[in-house]
C-alpha atoms as a PDB file:
ATOM      1  CA  UNK A   1     279.782  38.376  37.804  1.00  0.00           C
ATOM      2  CA  UNK A   2     276.493  38.868  39.643  1.00  0.00           C
ATOM      3  CA  UNK A   3     277.717  42.277  40.876  1.00  0.00           C
ATOM      4  CA  UNK A   4     278.509  43.356  37.297  1.00  0.00           C
ATOM      5  CA  UNK A   5     275.098  42.174  36.052  1.00  0.00           C
ATOM      6  CA  UNK A   6     273.373  43.992  38.929  1.00  0.00           C
ATOM      7  CA  UNK A   7     275.384  47.150  38.151  1.00  0.00           C
ATOM      8  CA  UNK A   8     274.446  46.977  34.473  1.00  0.00           C
ATOM      9  CA  UNK A   9     270.801  46.484  35.409  1.00  0.00           C
ATOM     10  CA  UNK A  10     270.906  49.535  37.680  1.00  0.00           C
ATOM     11  CA  UNK A  11     272.665  51.634  35.034  1.00  0.00           C
ATOM     12  CA  UNK A  12     270.628  50.270  32.120  1.00  0.00           C
ATOM     13  CA  UNK A  13     267.276  50.700  33.855  1.00  0.00           C
ATOM     14  CA  UNK A  14     267.089  54.499  33.456  1.00  0.00           C
ATOM     15  CA  UNK A  15     268.290  54.250  29.858  1.00  0.00           C
ATOM     16  CA  UNK A  16     265.580  51.742  29.070  1.00  0.00           C
ATOM     17  CA  UNK A  17     262.938  53.950  30.681  1.00  0.00           C
ATOM     18  CA  UNK A  18     264.178  56.977  28.749  1.00  0.00           C
ATOM     19  CA  UNK A  19     264.006  55.121  25.457  1.00  0.00           C
ATOM     20  CA  UNK A  20     260.438  53.982  26.149  1.00  0.00           C
ATOM     21  CA  UNK A  21     259.251  57.400  27.351  1.00  0.00           C
ATOM     22  CA  UNK A  22     258.776  58.700  23.786  1.00  0.00           C
ATOM     23  CA  UNK A  23     255.735  56.429  23.308  1.00  0.00           C
ATOM     24  CA  UNK A  24     253.129  59.055  24.110  1.00  0.00           C
ATOM     25  CA  UNK A  25     250.443  57.578  21.874  1.00  0.00           C
ATOM     26  CA  UNK A  26     248.969  54.125  21.240  1.00  0.00           C
ATOM     27  CA  UNK A  27     250.690  52.389  18.274  1.00  0.00           C
ATOM     28  CA  UNK A  28     247.366  52.238  16.415  1.00  0.00           C
ATOM     29  CA  UNK A  29     247.288  56.068  16.339  1.00  0.00           C
ATOM     30  CA  UNK A  30     250.859  56.587  15.091  1.00  0.00           C
ATOM     31  CA  UNK A  31     250.935  53.748  12.559  1.00  0.00           C
ATOM     32  CA  UNK A  32     250.078  55.816   9.448  1.00  0.00           C
ATOM     33  CA  UNK A  33     251.717  59.168  10.291  1.00  0.00           C
ATOM     34  CA  UNK A  34     252.960  60.943   7.153  1.00  0.00           C
ATOM     35  CA  UNK A  35     256.293  62.774   7.521  1.00  0.00           C
ATOM     36  CA  UNK A  36     255.851  66.445   6.624  1.00  0.00           C
ATOM     37  CA  UNK A  37     257.322  69.915   6.753  1.00  0.00           C
ATOM     38  CA  UNK A  38     255.081  72.501   8.415  1.00  0.00           C
ATOM     39  CA  UNK A  39     256.040  75.089   5.771  1.00  0.00           C
ATOM     40  CA  UNK A  40     254.463  72.931   3.056  1.00  0.00           C
ATOM     41  CA  UNK A  41     251.339  72.404   5.172  1.00  0.00           C
ATOM     42  CA  UNK A  42     251.052  76.179   5.656  1.00  0.00           C
ATOM     43  CA  UNK A  43     251.754  77.085   1.999  1.00  0.00           C
ATOM     44  CA  UNK A  44     249.773  74.234   0.409  1.00  0.00           C
ATOM     45  CA  UNK A  45     247.405  72.808   3.026  1.00  0.00           C
ATOM     46  CA  UNK A  46     245.618  70.551   0.514  1.00  0.00           C
ATOM     47  CA  UNK A  47     248.831  68.561  -0.165  1.00  0.00           C
ATOM     48  CA  UNK A  48     248.316  66.608   3.069  1.00  0.00           C
ATOM     49  CA  UNK A  49     244.477  66.568   3.082  1.00  0.00           C
ATOM     50  CA  UNK A  50     243.257  63.190   4.329  1.00  0.00           C
ATOM     51  CA  UNK A  51     246.660  62.130   5.675  1.00  0.00           C
ATOM     52  CA  UNK A  52     247.602  61.545   9.312  1.00  0.00           C
ATOM     53  CA  UNK A  53     250.242  64.066  10.438  1.00  0.00           C
ATOM     54  CA  UNK A  54     252.163  64.914  13.613  1.00  0.00           C
ATOM     55  CA  UNK A  55     252.474  68.553  14.676  1.00  0.00           C
ATOM     56  CA  UNK A  56     253.809  70.276  17.764  1.00  0.00           C
ATOM     57  CA  UNK A  57     253.327  73.686  19.279  1.00  0.00           C
ATOM     58  CA  UNK A  58     252.138  76.048  21.998  1.00  0.00           C
ATOM     59  CA  UNK A  59     248.443  76.760  22.639  1.00  0.00           C
ATOM     60  CA  UNK A  60     247.537  80.389  21.915  1.00  0.00           C
ATOM     61  CA  UNK A  61     243.745  80.121  22.052  1.00  0.00           C
ATOM     62  CA  UNK A  62     240.793  77.760  22.378  1.00  0.00           C
ATOM     63  CA  UNK A  63     237.090  78.030  21.675  1.00  0.00           C
ATOM     64  CA  UNK A  64     234.255  75.583  22.276  1.00  0.00           C
ATOM     65  CA  UNK A  65     232.120  74.996  19.173  1.00  0.00           C
ATOM     66  CA  UNK A  66     229.225  72.682  18.357  1.00  0.00           C
ATOM     67  CA  UNK A  67     231.722  70.267  16.732  1.00  0.00           C
ATOM     68  CA  UNK A  68     234.202  70.237  19.625  1.00  0.00           C
ATOM     69  CA  UNK A  69     237.059  72.344  20.944  1.00  0.00           C
ATOM     70  CA  UNK A  70     238.964  74.383  18.332  1.00  0.00           C
ATOM     71  CA  UNK A  71     242.490  74.971  19.601  1.00  0.00           C
ATOM     72  CA  UNK A  72     244.786  77.504  17.942  1.00  0.00           C
ATOM     73  CA  UNK A  73     248.427  76.524  18.187  1.00  0.00           C
ATOM     74  CA  UNK A  74     251.667  78.337  17.396  1.00  0.00           C
ATOM     75  CA  UNK A  75     253.793  75.766  15.552  1.00  0.00           C
ATOM     76  CA  UNK A  76     256.984  74.543  17.266  1.00  0.00           C
ATOM     77  CA  UNK A  77     259.362  71.935  15.904  1.00  0.00           C
ATOM     78  CA  UNK A  78     259.141  68.518  17.594  1.00  0.00           C
ATOM     79  CA  UNK A  79     262.506  67.414  18.995  1.00  0.00           C
ATOM     80  CA  UNK A  80     263.756  64.093  20.303  1.00  0.00           C
ATOM     81  CA  UNK A  81     266.762  65.434  22.251  1.00  0.00           C
ATOM     82  CA  UNK A  82     267.285  66.447  25.062  1.00  0.00           C
ATOM     83  CA  UNK A  83     263.632  65.474  25.588  1.00  0.00           C
ATOM     84  CA  UNK A  84     260.815  64.439  23.278  1.00  0.00           C
ATOM     85  CA  UNK A  85     258.444  67.318  22.676  1.00  0.00           C
ATOM     86  CA  UNK A  86     257.962  70.762  21.134  1.00  0.00           C
ATOM     87  CA  UNK A  87     261.142  72.848  21.113  1.00  0.00           C
ATOM     88  CA  UNK A  88     260.886  76.468  22.259  1.00  0.00           C
ATOM     89  CA  UNK A  89     261.993  79.193  19.829  1.00  0.00           C
ATOM     90  CA  UNK A  90     262.779  82.886  20.141  1.00  0.00           C
ATOM     91  CA  UNK A  91     261.231  83.629  16.757  1.00  0.00           C
ATOM     92  CA  UNK A  92     257.528  83.927  15.936  1.00  0.00           C
ATOM     93  CA  UNK A  93     256.096  80.979  14.054  1.00  0.00           C
ATOM     94  CA  UNK A  94     252.918  80.325  12.085  1.00  0.00           C
ATOM     95  CA  UNK A  95     249.699  78.997  13.583  1.00  0.00           C
ATOM     96  CA  UNK A  96     247.462  76.047  12.852  1.00  0.00           C
ATOM     97  CA  UNK A  97     244.093  74.940  14.256  1.00  0.00           C
ATOM     98  CA  UNK A  98     243.120  71.647  15.864  1.00  0.00           C
ATOM     99  CA  UNK A  99     239.569  70.372  16.238  1.00  0.00           C
ATOM    100  CA  UNK A 100     239.462  68.087  19.264  1.00  0.00           C
ATOM    101  CA  UNK A 101     236.186  66.159  19.505  1.00  0.00           C
ATOM    102  CA  UNK A 102     236.670  64.632  22.942  1.00  0.00           C
ATOM    103  CA  UNK A 103     236.674  65.847  26.528  1.00  0.00           C
ATOM    104  CA  UNK A 104     239.608  67.891  27.747  1.00  0.00           C
ATOM    105  CA  UNK A 105     239.993  69.482  31.159  1.00  0.00           C
ATOM    106  CA  UNK A 106     240.371  73.295  31.409  1.00  0.00           C
ATOM    107  CA  UNK A 107     244.029  72.969  32.495  1.00  0.00           C
ATOM    108  CA  UNK A 108     244.691  71.022  29.272  1.00  0.00           C
ATOM    109  CA  UNK A 109     243.745  73.921  26.986  1.00  0.00           C
ATOM    110  CA  UNK A 110     245.373  76.701  28.987  1.00  0.00           C
ATOM    111  CA  UNK A 111     247.293  79.387  27.071  1.00  0.00           C
ATOM    112  CA  UNK A 112     250.988  78.521  26.839  1.00  0.00           C
ATOM    113  CA  UNK A 113     250.633  74.735  27.159  1.00  0.00           C
ATOM    114  CA  UNK A 114     252.810  72.779  24.762  1.00  0.00           C
ATOM    115  CA  UNK A 115     251.473  69.828  22.797  1.00  0.00           C
ATOM    116  CA  UNK A 116     252.082  67.216  20.156  1.00  0.00           C
ATOM    117  CA  UNK A 117     249.079  66.130  18.131  1.00  0.00           C
ATOM    118  CA  UNK A 118     248.506  63.164  15.833  1.00  0.00           C
ATOM    119  CA  UNK A 119     245.733  64.334  13.543  1.00  0.00           C
ATOM    120  CA  UNK A 120     243.961  64.008  10.217  1.00  0.00           C
ATOM    121  CA  UNK A 121     244.854  66.941   7.930  1.00  0.00           C
ATOM    122  CA  UNK A 122     241.797  68.720   6.518  1.00  0.00           C
ATOM    123  CA  UNK A 123     243.382  71.476   4.392  1.00  0.00           C
ATOM    124  CA  UNK A 124     242.678  74.990   5.623  1.00  0.00           C
ATOM    125  CA  UNK A 125     239.673  76.555   7.288  1.00  0.00           C
ATOM    126  CA  UNK A 126     238.579  79.903   8.714  1.00  0.00           C
ATOM    127  CA  UNK A 127     239.245  80.158  12.452  1.00  0.00           C
ATOM    128  CA  UNK A 128     238.104  83.056  14.652  1.00  0.00           C
ATOM    129  CA  UNK A 129     240.931  85.082  16.164  1.00  0.00           C
ATOM    130  CA  UNK A 130     239.516  87.811  18.417  1.00  0.00           C
ATOM    131  CA  UNK A 131     236.302  87.788  16.381  1.00  0.00           C
ATOM    132  CA  UNK A 132     238.082  88.029  13.019  1.00  0.00           C
ATOM    133  CA  UNK A 133     238.129  84.965  10.729  1.00  0.00           C
ATOM    134  CA  UNK A 134     241.603  83.856   9.663  1.00  0.00           C
ATOM    135  CA  UNK A 135     242.505  81.005   7.289  1.00  0.00           C
ATOM    136  CA  UNK A 136     244.828  78.470   8.930  1.00  0.00           C
ATOM    137  CA  UNK A 137     245.892  74.852   8.344  1.00  0.00           C
ATOM    138  CA  UNK A 138     243.239  72.712  10.030  1.00  0.00           C
ATOM    139  CA  UNK A 139     243.537  69.225  11.520  1.00  0.00           C
ATOM    140  CA  UNK A 140     241.196  66.917  13.418  1.00  0.00           C
ATOM    141  CA  UNK A 141     242.962  65.417  16.418  1.00  0.00           C
ATOM    142  CA  UNK A 142     243.091  61.709  17.046  1.00  0.00           C
ATOM    143  CA  UNK A 143     245.353  62.056  20.100  1.00  0.00           C
ATOM    144  CA  UNK A 144     247.140  64.964  21.752  1.00  0.00           C
ATOM    145  CA  UNK A 145     249.831  64.909  24.406  1.00  0.00           C
ATOM    146  CA  UNK A 146     249.737  68.138  26.420  1.00  0.00           C
ATOM    147  CA  UNK A 147     252.448  69.433  28.736  1.00  0.00           C
ATOM    148  CA  UNK A 148     250.603  71.731  31.143  1.00  0.00           C
ATOM    149  CA  UNK A 149     253.168  74.530  31.202  1.00  0.00           C
ATOM    150  CA  UNK A 150     250.486  77.231  31.250  1.00  0.00           C
ATOM    151  CA  UNK A 151     251.936  80.665  32.004  1.00  0.00           C
ATOM    152  CA  UNK A 152     255.403  79.129  32.007  1.00  0.00           C
ATOM    153  CA  UNK A 153     255.051  78.181  28.322  1.00  0.00           C
ATOM    154  CA  UNK A 154     258.162  80.153  27.417  1.00  0.00           C
ATOM    155  CA  UNK A 155     260.269  77.492  29.134  1.00  0.00           C
ATOM    156  CA  UNK A 156     261.368  74.402  27.245  1.00  0.00           C
ATOM    157  CA  UNK A 157     259.873  71.166  28.544  1.00  0.00           C
ATOM    158  CA  UNK A 158     263.314  70.083  29.712  1.00  0.00           C
ATOM    159  CA  UNK A 159     263.749  73.403  31.573  1.00  0.00           C
ATOM    160  CA  UNK A 160     260.507  73.449  33.490  1.00  0.00           C
ATOM    161  CA  UNK A 161     260.893  76.131  36.130  1.00  0.00           C
ATOM    162  CA  UNK A 162     262.500  75.830  39.494  1.00  0.00           C
ATOM    163  CA  UNK A 163     261.139  78.171  42.132  1.00  0.00           C
ATOM    164  CA  UNK A 164     262.568  79.486  45.365  1.00  0.00           C
ATOM    165  CA  UNK A 165     260.780  76.702  47.207  1.00  0.00           C
ATOM    166  CA  UNK A 166     262.034  73.931  44.906  1.00  0.00           C
ATOM    167  CA  UNK A 167     261.195  72.104  41.727  1.00  0.00           C
ATOM    168  CA  UNK A 168     257.787  70.692  40.894  1.00  0.00           C
ATOM    169  CA  UNK A 169     257.138  68.033  38.266  1.00  0.00           C
ATOM    170  CA  UNK A 170     255.638  69.113  34.970  1.00  0.00           C
ATOM    171  CA  UNK A 171     252.104  67.771  34.671  1.00  0.00           C
ATOM    172  CA  UNK A 172     251.284  66.242  31.290  1.00  0.00           C
ATOM    173  CA  UNK A 173     248.488  64.136  29.869  1.00  0.00           C
ATOM    174  CA  UNK A 174     247.471  62.315  26.695  1.00  0.00           C
ATOM    175  CA  UNK A 175     243.952  62.868  25.334  1.00  0.00           C
ATOM    176  CA  UNK A 176     242.525  60.608  22.634  1.00  0.00           C
ATOM    177  CA  UNK A 177     239.187  60.976  20.872  1.00  0.00           C
ATOM    178  CA  UNK A 178     239.363  57.740  18.871  1.00  0.00           C
END
């Protein structure tokens, strides 16, 4: 009986860790998240104004401003299987902008990084894209979880690249400004 219990503990341990690994953010941050479709946010950004939303995507640009770091993100659907995180797509998707009012290291805002953000929706706002203002859905981040895929951003999180000299773990980090 002890051998069976030990075997179940060994087998159940990884399953338990996998189930808990989707808790990227403190419960206080995710408590009031409003379910939403990105298409509605893009078409009618004022529908979610003032609500806490969750979005996922790939960083396509970042600019320091007097209010904080404005990060432009290409929207990607957030998946829960095979891993929790933004799901890569072959098709172009729309963009949104995040204002992050905390400190973030340069590797965290690198082009191609994938992220999930819990943020307060603020409607739409003009964002500079190569010096040209463009209206995009705009959110103020409470917390962001960033997978530092950088130049390898075309890979899915679950497929992080293997190289000729082996596999290296994907660096990731949670940043909170609340």
